[in-house]
Amino acid sequence: MCEGGAVNQNWEDRVAAAWATFDDYPEERAHEFRAVIDALVAELPDDSPLGPFEQACAWDSTGHSDKAVPLYREALARGLSEASQYKGRRAKIQLSSSLRNIGEAEEGVKLLTPELDAPSDELDDAVRACLALCLSSLGRDREGLSLVLCALAPHLPRYQRSMANYARALVDPRD
């Protein structure tokens, strides 16, 4: 339960456990999974940014980007990034992907571009991958490919410098 308006570790653990069962719900039972998430969200204070975030994730993961978008926006507006910088960044990545899915890739680019300069974490490559998809949807494939190559280069056993240089050359002809 959530005591005193704060989310405790037990609640977070139960949310993680619910998500661990996601693949147990075939498409025709997606509503059952969303009901599990809704029940957990019902334990939160009405103004919690975590509620709409988890519901957005559930809608998004069950193929309903259109229903996820307003919930991601609500979570961010309620201060999700202040409550959890990590979940706030996830929300921006997932919102951008959903925006792309509903034909609003330009808004996704605007939302994710500042994340390229955000403090580095394990979501950096996801930011670049999602931003690359948004750029591609806008016909800006070279920029998208450059982002993906920059994200990939550090993971290569060799050729990191070459790939980084090639990535820059895709968007800056002087390179």
N, C-alpha and C. Protein backbone atom coordinates (compact mmCIF):
# COMPACT_ATOMS: atom_id res chain seq x y z
N MET A 1 0.84 -1.20 0.00
CA MET A 1 0.00 0.00 0.00
C MET A 1 0.87 1.24 0.00
N CYS A 2 0.24 2.35 -0.31
CA CYS A 2 0.93 3.63 -0.31
C CYS A 2 0.51 4.37 0.95
N GLU A 3 1.49 4.71 1.75
CA GLU A 3 1.20 5.34 3.03
C GLU A 3 1.62 6.80 2.98
N GLY A 4 0.76 7.67 3.50
CA GLY A 4 1.10 9.07 3.61
C GLY A 4 1.41 9.73 2.28
N GLY A 5 0.82 9.25 1.21
CA GLY A 5 1.02 9.87 -0.08
C GLY A 5 2.31 9.45 -0.76
N ALA A 6 3.14 8.68 -0.10
CA ALA A 6 4.40 8.26 -0.70
C ALA A 6 4.27 6.82 -1.20
N VAL A 7 4.95 6.56 -2.26
CA VAL A 7 4.97 5.20 -2.80
C VAL A 7 6.07 4.45 -2.07
N ASN A 8 5.74 3.28 -1.56
CA ASN A 8 6.79 2.53 -0.87
C ASN A 8 7.34 1.42 -1.77
N GLN A 9 8.39 0.80 -1.30
CA GLN A 9 9.06 -0.21 -2.10
C GLN A 9 8.15 -1.40 -2.40
N ASN A 10 7.25 -1.72 -1.47
CA ASN A 10 6.33 -2.83 -1.69
C ASN A 10 5.47 -2.57 -2.93
N TRP A 11 4.98 -1.34 -3.07
CA TRP A 11 4.16 -0.99 -4.24
C TRP A 11 4.99 -1.10 -5.51
N GLU A 12 6.20 -0.54 -5.48
CA GLU A 12 7.09 -0.62 -6.65
C GLU A 12 7.38 -2.08 -7.02
N ASP A 13 7.60 -2.91 -6.01
CA ASP A 13 7.87 -4.33 -6.25
C ASP A 13 6.67 -5.02 -6.89
N ARG A 14 5.47 -4.66 -6.44
CA ARG A 14 4.27 -5.27 -7.01
C ARG A 14 4.03 -4.80 -8.44
N VAL A 15 4.38 -3.55 -8.73
CA VAL A 15 4.29 -3.06 -10.12
C VAL A 15 5.28 -3.83 -10.99
N ALA A 16 6.51 -3.97 -10.50
CA ALA A 16 7.53 -4.73 -11.26
C ALA A 16 7.08 -6.17 -11.47
N ALA A 17 6.47 -6.77 -10.45
CA ALA A 17 5.98 -8.15 -10.58
C ALA A 17 4.86 -8.23 -11.62
N ALA A 18 3.99 -7.23 -11.64
CA ALA A 18 2.92 -7.22 -12.64
C ALA A 18 3.52 -7.15 -14.04
N TRP A 19 4.50 -6.27 -14.24
CA TRP A 19 5.12 -6.16 -15.55
C TRP A 19 5.87 -7.42 -15.93
N ALA A 20 6.39 -8.14 -14.95
CA ALA A 20 7.08 -9.40 -15.23
C ALA A 20 6.14 -10.45 -15.80
N THR A 21 4.84 -10.28 -15.59
CA THR A 21 3.84 -11.23 -16.11
C THR A 21 3.24 -10.77 -17.44
N PHE A 22 3.67 -9.64 -17.96
CA PHE A 22 3.07 -9.06 -19.16
C PHE A 22 2.95 -10.07 -20.30
N ASP A 23 3.97 -10.84 -20.54
CA ASP A 23 3.95 -11.79 -21.65
C ASP A 23 2.98 -12.95 -21.43
N ASP A 24 2.44 -13.06 -20.22
CA ASP A 24 1.44 -14.09 -19.94
C ASP A 24 0.05 -13.71 -20.46
N TYR A 25 -0.08 -12.48 -20.92
CA TYR A 25 -1.37 -11.98 -21.39
C TYR A 25 -1.36 -11.87 -22.91
N PRO A 26 -2.01 -12.80 -23.60
CA PRO A 26 -2.10 -12.67 -25.06
C PRO A 26 -2.94 -11.44 -25.41
N GLU A 27 -2.86 -11.05 -26.65
CA GLU A 27 -3.52 -9.82 -27.10
C GLU A 27 -5.00 -9.77 -26.71
N GLU A 28 -5.68 -10.90 -26.82
CA GLU A 28 -7.13 -10.90 -26.51
C GLU A 28 -7.40 -10.73 -25.01
N ARG A 29 -6.35 -10.83 -24.17
CA ARG A 29 -6.52 -10.64 -22.74
C ARG A 29 -5.78 -9.39 -22.24
N ALA A 30 -5.41 -8.50 -23.16
CA ALA A 30 -4.67 -7.30 -22.78
C ALA A 30 -5.44 -6.47 -21.76
N HIS A 31 -6.76 -6.47 -21.88
CA HIS A 31 -7.57 -5.71 -20.92
C HIS A 31 -7.38 -6.22 -19.49
N GLU A 32 -7.10 -7.50 -19.33
CA GLU A 32 -6.87 -8.06 -18.00
C GLU A 32 -5.57 -7.52 -17.41
N PHE A 33 -4.55 -7.41 -18.25
CA PHE A 33 -3.29 -6.84 -17.78
C PHE A 33 -3.48 -5.38 -17.37
N ARG A 34 -4.19 -4.62 -18.21
CA ARG A 34 -4.43 -3.22 -17.86
C ARG A 34 -5.22 -3.11 -16.56
N ALA A 35 -6.11 -4.04 -16.30
CA ALA A 35 -6.87 -4.03 -15.05
C ALA A 35 -5.96 -4.25 -13.85
N VAL A 36 -4.95 -5.10 -14.00
CA VAL A 36 -3.97 -5.32 -12.92
C VAL A 36 -3.26 -4.00 -12.61
N ILE A 37 -2.82 -3.32 -13.66
CA ILE A 37 -2.13 -2.03 -13.48
C ILE A 37 -3.09 -1.01 -12.87
N ASP A 38 -4.32 -0.96 -13.37
CA ASP A 38 -5.31 -0.01 -12.82
C ASP A 38 -5.54 -0.25 -11.33
N ALA A 39 -5.57 -1.50 -10.91
CA ALA A 39 -5.77 -1.80 -9.49
C ALA A 39 -4.61 -1.28 -8.65
N LEU A 40 -3.40 -1.41 -9.16
CA LEU A 40 -2.24 -0.88 -8.44
C LEU A 40 -2.28 0.65 -8.41
N VAL A 41 -2.65 1.25 -9.51
CA VAL A 41 -2.74 2.71 -9.60
C VAL A 41 -3.80 3.24 -8.63
N ALA A 42 -4.85 2.49 -8.42
CA ALA A 42 -5.93 2.91 -7.52
C ALA A 42 -5.44 3.09 -6.09
N GLU A 43 -4.32 2.51 -5.76
CA GLU A 43 -3.76 2.64 -4.41
C GLU A 43 -3.02 3.97 -4.21
N LEU A 44 -2.75 4.66 -5.30
CA LEU A 44 -1.97 5.89 -5.24
C LEU A 44 -2.85 7.10 -4.93
N PRO A 45 -2.25 8.16 -4.40
CA PRO A 45 -3.00 9.41 -4.26
C PRO A 45 -3.44 9.90 -5.64
N ASP A 46 -4.57 10.58 -5.69
CA ASP A 46 -5.15 11.01 -6.97
C ASP A 46 -4.21 11.87 -7.81
N ASP A 47 -3.32 12.61 -7.16
CA ASP A 47 -2.45 13.52 -7.91
C ASP A 47 -1.07 12.93 -8.22
N SER A 48 -0.88 11.66 -7.95
CA SER A 48 0.42 11.03 -8.18
C SER A 48 0.73 10.97 -9.68
N PRO A 49 1.97 11.35 -10.06
CA PRO A 49 2.35 11.21 -11.47
C PRO A 49 2.60 9.76 -11.87
N LEU A 50 2.79 8.89 -10.89
CA LEU A 50 3.08 7.48 -11.19
C LEU A 50 1.87 6.76 -11.78
N GLY A 51 0.68 7.15 -11.36
CA GLY A 51 -0.53 6.50 -11.86
C GLY A 51 -0.69 6.62 -13.37
N PRO A 52 -0.76 7.85 -13.88
CA PRO A 52 -0.91 7.96 -15.33
C PRO A 52 0.29 7.39 -16.09
N PHE A 53 1.48 7.44 -15.49
CA PHE A 53 2.64 6.86 -16.17
C PHE A 53 2.46 5.35 -16.34
N GLU A 54 2.11 4.65 -15.28
CA GLU A 54 1.94 3.19 -15.37
C GLU A 54 0.78 2.83 -16.29
N GLN A 55 -0.29 3.61 -16.25
CA GLN A 55 -1.41 3.35 -17.15
C GLN A 55 -1.02 3.61 -18.60
N ALA A 56 -0.26 4.65 -18.84
CA ALA A 56 0.22 4.93 -20.20
C ALA A 56 1.07 3.78 -20.70
N CYS A 57 1.96 3.29 -19.86
CA CYS A 57 2.81 2.16 -20.25
C CYS A 57 1.96 0.94 -20.61
N ALA A 58 0.92 0.71 -19.81
CA ALA A 58 0.06 -0.46 -20.06
C ALA A 58 -0.69 -0.31 -21.38
N TRP A 59 -1.25 0.87 -21.63
CA TRP A 59 -1.94 1.10 -22.91
C TRP A 59 -0.97 0.98 -24.07
N ASP A 60 0.20 1.59 -23.91
CA ASP A 60 1.21 1.59 -24.96
C ASP A 60 1.66 0.17 -25.27
N SER A 61 1.94 -0.59 -24.24
CA SER A 61 2.44 -1.95 -24.42
C SER A 61 1.41 -2.90 -24.98
N THR A 62 0.15 -2.51 -24.92
CA THR A 62 -0.91 -3.34 -25.48
C THR A 62 -1.43 -2.78 -26.80
N GLY A 63 -0.60 -1.91 -27.42
CA GLY A 63 -0.88 -1.47 -28.78
C GLY A 63 -1.81 -0.28 -28.94
N HIS A 64 -1.92 0.56 -27.91
CA HIS A 64 -2.84 1.69 -27.97
C HIS A 64 -2.10 3.00 -27.70
N SER A 65 -1.23 3.37 -28.63
CA SER A 65 -0.48 4.61 -28.48
C SER A 65 -1.39 5.81 -28.30
N ASP A 66 -2.52 5.80 -28.99
CA ASP A 66 -3.45 6.93 -28.92
C ASP A 66 -3.98 7.15 -27.51
N LYS A 67 -4.18 6.08 -26.76
CA LYS A 67 -4.65 6.21 -25.38
C LYS A 67 -3.50 6.50 -24.42
N ALA A 68 -2.29 6.11 -24.79
CA ALA A 68 -1.13 6.33 -23.94
C ALA A 68 -0.67 7.78 -23.95
N VAL A 69 -0.74 8.44 -25.09
CA VAL A 69 -0.21 9.80 -25.23
C VAL A 69 -0.75 10.75 -24.16
N PRO A 70 -2.08 10.88 -23.99
CA PRO A 70 -2.55 11.84 -22.98
C PRO A 70 -2.13 11.45 -21.56
N LEU A 71 -1.99 10.17 -21.30
CA LEU A 71 -1.57 9.73 -19.97
C LEU A 71 -0.10 10.05 -19.71
N TYR A 72 0.77 9.85 -20.71
CA TYR A 72 2.17 10.26 -20.56
C TYR A 72 2.26 11.75 -20.30
N ARG A 73 1.50 12.52 -21.08
CA ARG A 73 1.52 13.98 -20.90
C ARG A 73 1.07 14.37 -19.50
N GLU A 74 0.03 13.70 -19.02
CA GLU A 74 -0.48 13.99 -17.67
C GLU A 74 0.58 13.66 -16.61
N ALA A 75 1.23 12.52 -16.76
CA ALA A 75 2.28 12.12 -15.80
C ALA A 75 3.40 13.16 -15.76
N LEU A 76 3.83 13.60 -16.93
CA LEU A 76 4.90 14.60 -16.98
C LEU A 76 4.43 15.93 -16.41
N ALA A 77 3.20 16.31 -16.71
CA ALA A 77 2.65 17.57 -16.19
C ALA A 77 2.52 17.54 -14.67
N ARG A 78 2.25 16.37 -14.11
CA ARG A 78 2.13 16.22 -12.65
C ARG A 78 3.49 16.16 -11.96
N GLY A 79 4.58 16.17 -12.72
CA GLY A 79 5.90 16.19 -12.10
C GLY A 79 6.60 14.84 -12.02
N LEU A 80 6.33 13.97 -12.98
CA LEU A 80 6.98 12.65 -12.96
C LEU A 80 8.50 12.77 -12.93
N SER A 81 9.06 13.71 -13.69
CA SER A 81 10.52 13.85 -13.74
C SER A 81 11.09 14.28 -12.39
N GLU A 82 10.32 15.02 -11.63
CA GLU A 82 10.77 15.42 -10.29
C GLU A 82 10.65 14.25 -9.31
N ALA A 83 9.60 13.45 -9.46
CA ALA A 83 9.41 12.29 -8.59
C ALA A 83 10.44 11.20 -8.87
N SER A 84 10.76 11.03 -10.15
CA SER A 84 11.74 10.02 -10.57
C SER A 84 12.33 10.46 -11.90
N GLN A 85 13.57 10.92 -11.86
CA GLN A 85 14.22 11.37 -13.09
C GLN A 85 14.25 10.24 -14.13
N TYR A 86 14.48 9.02 -13.66
CA TYR A 86 14.55 7.87 -14.56
C TYR A 86 13.20 7.62 -15.22
N LYS A 87 12.13 7.58 -14.45
CA LYS A 87 10.80 7.35 -15.03
C LYS A 87 10.37 8.52 -15.89
N GLY A 88 10.78 9.73 -15.53
CA GLY A 88 10.49 10.88 -16.36
C GLY A 88 11.14 10.75 -17.73
N ARG A 89 12.37 10.28 -17.73
CA ARG A 89 13.06 10.09 -19.02
C ARG A 89 12.41 8.96 -19.81
N ARG A 90 12.05 7.88 -19.12
CA ARG A 90 11.32 6.80 -19.80
C ARG A 90 10.03 7.33 -20.42
N ALA A 91 9.31 8.15 -19.68
CA ALA A 91 8.05 8.69 -20.19
C ALA A 91 8.28 9.51 -21.45
N LYS A 92 9.35 10.29 -21.49
CA LYS A 92 9.65 11.09 -22.67
C LYS A 92 9.99 10.20 -23.87
N ILE A 93 10.75 9.15 -23.63
CA ILE A 93 11.09 8.21 -24.71
C ILE A 93 9.82 7.54 -25.23
N GLN A 94 9.03 7.02 -24.32
CA GLN A 94 7.83 6.28 -24.70
C GLN A 94 6.77 7.20 -25.32
N LEU A 95 6.64 8.41 -24.79
CA LEU A 95 5.71 9.38 -25.37
C LEU A 95 6.14 9.71 -26.80
N SER A 96 7.43 9.91 -27.00
CA SER A 96 7.91 10.21 -28.35
C SER A 96 7.61 9.08 -29.32
N SER A 97 7.80 7.86 -28.86
CA SER A 97 7.50 6.71 -29.70
C SER A 97 6.01 6.66 -30.03
N SER A 98 5.19 6.90 -29.03
CA SER A 98 3.74 6.89 -29.24
C SER A 98 3.31 8.02 -30.18
N LEU A 99 3.91 9.18 -30.00
CA LEU A 99 3.60 10.30 -30.89
C LEU A 99 3.93 9.94 -32.34
N ARG A 100 5.07 9.30 -32.53
CA ARG A 100 5.46 8.85 -33.87
C ARG A 100 4.41 7.89 -34.42
N ASN A 101 3.95 6.98 -33.57
CA ASN A 101 2.96 5.98 -34.00
C ASN A 101 1.63 6.60 -34.42
N ILE A 102 1.32 7.76 -33.86
CA ILE A 102 0.04 8.39 -34.22
C ILE A 102 0.23 9.55 -35.20
N GLY A 103 1.41 9.61 -35.82
CA GLY A 103 1.65 10.59 -36.87
C GLY A 103 2.13 11.95 -36.41
N GLU A 104 2.64 12.03 -35.18
CA GLU A 104 3.13 13.31 -34.65
C GLU A 104 4.62 13.23 -34.34
N ALA A 105 5.39 12.74 -35.30
CA ALA A 105 6.83 12.53 -35.10
C ALA A 105 7.57 13.82 -34.80
N GLU A 106 7.14 14.93 -35.37
CA GLU A 106 7.81 16.21 -35.13
C GLU A 106 7.80 16.56 -33.64
N GLU A 107 6.66 16.33 -33.00
CA GLU A 107 6.58 16.58 -31.56
C GLU A 107 7.51 15.63 -30.79
N GLY A 108 7.63 14.40 -31.27
CA GLY A 108 8.56 13.45 -30.65
C GLY A 108 10.00 13.93 -30.75
N VAL A 109 10.36 14.50 -31.89
CA VAL A 109 11.72 15.04 -32.07
C VAL A 109 11.95 16.19 -31.09
N LYS A 110 10.97 17.07 -30.96
CA LYS A 110 11.10 18.21 -30.05
C LYS A 110 11.24 17.75 -28.60
N LEU A 111 10.54 16.70 -28.24
CA LEU A 111 10.59 16.20 -26.88
C LEU A 111 11.91 15.49 -26.57
N LEU A 112 12.44 14.74 -27.53
CA LEU A 112 13.64 13.95 -27.27
C LEU A 112 14.95 14.67 -27.53
N THR A 113 14.98 15.65 -28.40
CA THR A 113 16.24 16.32 -28.72
C THR A 113 16.95 16.85 -27.48
N PRO A 114 16.26 17.49 -26.53
CA PRO A 114 16.97 17.94 -25.33
C PRO A 114 17.55 16.78 -24.49
N GLU A 115 16.98 15.61 -24.64
CA GLU A 115 17.48 14.45 -23.89
C GLU A 115 18.88 14.03 -24.34
N LEU A 116 19.30 14.46 -25.53
CA LEU A 116 20.66 14.15 -25.99
C LEU A 116 21.70 14.82 -25.09
N ASP A 117 21.31 15.92 -24.44
CA ASP A 117 22.23 16.65 -23.56
C ASP A 117 21.94 16.41 -22.08
N ALA A 118 21.00 15.53 -21.77
CA ALA A 118 20.66 15.22 -20.38
C ALA A 118 21.78 14.40 -19.75
N PRO A 119 21.84 14.37 -18.43
CA PRO A 119 22.84 13.51 -17.77
C PRO A 119 22.73 12.07 -18.29
N SER A 120 23.87 11.49 -18.55
CA SER A 120 23.92 10.15 -19.15
C SER A 120 23.42 9.08 -18.18
N ASP A 121 22.69 8.12 -18.75
CA ASP A 121 22.27 6.95 -18.00
C ASP A 121 22.05 5.80 -18.97
N GLU A 122 21.51 4.71 -18.47
CA GLU A 122 21.32 3.52 -19.31
C GLU A 122 20.27 3.72 -20.40
N LEU A 123 19.55 4.82 -20.38
CA LEU A 123 18.53 5.09 -21.39
C LEU A 123 19.05 5.88 -22.59
N ASP A 124 20.32 6.26 -22.57
CA ASP A 124 20.89 7.06 -23.66
C ASP A 124 20.65 6.44 -25.03
N ASP A 125 20.92 5.16 -25.17
CA ASP A 125 20.75 4.50 -26.48
C ASP A 125 19.29 4.44 -26.88
N ALA A 126 18.39 4.28 -25.91
CA ALA A 126 16.96 4.27 -26.22
C ALA A 126 16.51 5.65 -26.70
N VAL A 127 17.06 6.70 -26.11
CA VAL A 127 16.75 8.06 -26.58
C VAL A 127 17.15 8.19 -28.04
N ARG A 128 18.37 7.78 -28.35
CA ARG A 128 18.87 7.91 -29.71
C ARG A 128 18.08 7.04 -30.70
N ALA A 129 17.75 5.83 -30.30
CA ALA A 129 17.00 4.94 -31.19
C ALA A 129 15.60 5.50 -31.48
N CYS A 130 14.92 5.95 -30.46
CA CYS A 130 13.58 6.49 -30.65
C CYS A 130 13.62 7.79 -31.44
N LEU A 131 14.60 8.63 -31.13
CA LEU A 131 14.75 9.87 -31.88
C LEU A 131 15.05 9.57 -33.35
N ALA A 132 15.87 8.56 -33.60
CA ALA A 132 16.18 8.16 -34.98
C ALA A 132 14.91 7.73 -35.72
N LEU A 133 14.04 6.98 -35.05
CA LEU A 133 12.79 6.58 -35.69
C LEU A 133 11.90 7.78 -35.99
N CYS A 134 11.83 8.71 -35.05
CA CYS A 134 11.04 9.93 -35.30
C CYS A 134 11.60 10.71 -36.48
N LEU A 135 12.92 10.84 -36.52
CA LEU A 135 13.55 11.55 -37.64
C LEU A 135 13.27 10.84 -38.96
N SER A 136 13.37 9.53 -38.96
CA SER A 136 13.10 8.76 -40.17
C SER A 136 11.66 8.97 -40.64
N SER A 137 10.73 9.01 -39.71
CA SER A 137 9.33 9.24 -40.07
C SER A 137 9.14 10.60 -40.72
N LEU A 138 10.06 11.51 -40.46
CA LEU A 138 10.00 12.85 -41.05
C LEU A 138 10.86 12.97 -42.30
N GLY A 139 11.41 11.83 -42.78
CA GLY A 139 12.24 11.85 -43.97
C GLY A 139 13.66 12.30 -43.71
N ARG A 140 14.07 12.30 -42.46
CA ARG A 140 15.41 12.75 -42.08
C ARG A 140 16.27 11.54 -41.72
N ASP A 141 16.35 10.61 -42.68
CA ASP A 141 17.01 9.33 -42.44
C ASP A 141 18.51 9.45 -42.12
N ARG A 142 19.21 10.36 -42.76
CA ARG A 142 20.65 10.51 -42.51
C ARG A 142 20.91 10.92 -41.06
N GLU A 143 20.10 11.83 -40.54
CA GLU A 143 20.24 12.24 -39.15
C GLU A 143 19.95 11.06 -38.21
N GLY A 144 18.92 10.32 -38.54
CA GLY A 144 18.57 9.16 -37.73
C GLY A 144 19.65 8.11 -37.74
N LEU A 145 20.18 7.81 -38.92
CA LEU A 145 21.26 6.83 -39.03
C LEU A 145 22.48 7.30 -38.26
N SER A 146 22.78 8.58 -38.32
CA SER A 146 23.91 9.11 -37.57
C SER A 146 23.74 8.87 -36.07
N LEU A 147 22.55 9.12 -35.56
CA LEU A 147 22.28 8.88 -34.14
C LEU A 147 22.46 7.41 -33.77
N VAL A 148 21.94 6.54 -34.61
CA VAL A 148 22.03 5.10 -34.32
C VAL A 148 23.49 4.64 -34.36
N LEU A 149 24.25 5.11 -35.33
CA LEU A 149 25.66 4.72 -35.40
C LEU A 149 26.44 5.25 -34.19
N CYS A 150 26.13 6.46 -33.77
CA CYS A 150 26.79 7.01 -32.57
C CYS A 150 26.44 6.18 -31.32
N ALA A 151 25.22 5.70 -31.26
CA ALA A 151 24.82 4.86 -30.13
C ALA A 151 25.49 3.49 -30.20
N LEU A 152 25.63 2.97 -31.40
CA LEU A 152 26.21 1.64 -31.59
C LEU A 152 27.73 1.62 -31.40
N ALA A 153 28.41 2.65 -31.84
CA ALA A 153 29.87 2.67 -31.87
C ALA A 153 30.54 2.24 -30.56
N PRO A 154 30.12 2.74 -29.41
CA PRO A 154 30.81 2.34 -28.16
C PRO A 154 30.67 0.86 -27.82
N HIS A 155 29.70 0.19 -28.41
CA HIS A 155 29.46 -1.23 -28.11
C HIS A 155 30.25 -2.17 -29.02
N LEU A 156 30.89 -1.62 -30.03
CA LEU A 156 31.64 -2.45 -30.97
C LEU A 156 32.99 -2.85 -30.39
N PRO A 157 33.46 -4.05 -30.70
CA PRO A 157 34.75 -4.48 -30.17
C PRO A 157 35.91 -3.74 -30.83
N ARG A 158 35.69 -3.23 -32.02
CA ARG A 158 36.68 -2.45 -32.76
C ARG A 158 35.93 -1.41 -33.59
N TYR A 159 36.63 -0.53 -34.21
CA TYR A 159 36.08 0.45 -35.16
C TYR A 159 35.26 1.56 -34.51
N GLN A 160 35.38 1.73 -33.20
CA GLN A 160 34.57 2.76 -32.55
C GLN A 160 34.85 4.15 -33.13
N ARG A 161 36.10 4.49 -33.29
CA ARG A 161 36.45 5.82 -33.80
C ARG A 161 35.95 5.98 -35.24
N SER A 162 36.16 4.97 -36.05
CA SER A 162 35.72 5.05 -37.45
C SER A 162 34.21 5.23 -37.54
N MET A 163 33.46 4.44 -36.79
CA MET A 163 32.00 4.53 -36.85
C MET A 163 31.52 5.89 -36.36
N ALA A 164 32.14 6.41 -35.31
CA ALA A 164 31.77 7.73 -34.81
C ALA A 164 32.05 8.80 -35.87
N ASN A 165 33.19 8.68 -36.55
CA ASN A 165 33.52 9.63 -37.62
C ASN A 165 32.53 9.51 -38.79
N TYR A 166 32.20 8.29 -39.18
CA TYR A 166 31.23 8.09 -40.26
C TYR A 166 29.86 8.67 -39.87
N ALA A 167 29.49 8.49 -38.63
CA ALA A 167 28.21 9.01 -38.16
C ALA A 167 28.18 10.54 -38.26
N ARG A 168 29.25 11.18 -37.83
CA ARG A 168 29.31 12.64 -37.95
C ARG A 168 29.26 13.09 -39.40
N ALA A 169 29.95 12.35 -40.27
CA ALA A 169 30.01 12.71 -41.69
C ALA A 169 28.62 12.63 -42.36
N LEU A 170 27.74 11.82 -41.84
CA LEU A 170 26.40 11.72 -42.40
C LEU A 170 25.63 13.04 -42.29
N VAL A 171 25.92 13.79 -41.24
CA VAL A 171 25.17 15.03 -41.01
C VAL A 171 26.01 16.29 -41.18
N ASP A 172 27.32 16.14 -41.25
CA ASP A 172 28.20 17.28 -41.45
C ASP A 172 29.16 16.98 -42.59
N PRO A 173 28.85 17.47 -43.79
CA PRO A 173 29.65 17.13 -44.95
C PRO A 173 31.12 17.55 -44.86
N ARG A 174 31.44 18.45 -43.93
CA ARG A 174 32.85 18.85 -43.77
C ARG A 174 33.68 17.74 -43.17
N ASP A 175 33.02 16.78 -42.48
CA ASP A 175 33.76 15.68 -41.84
C ASP A 175 34.14 14.68 -42.88
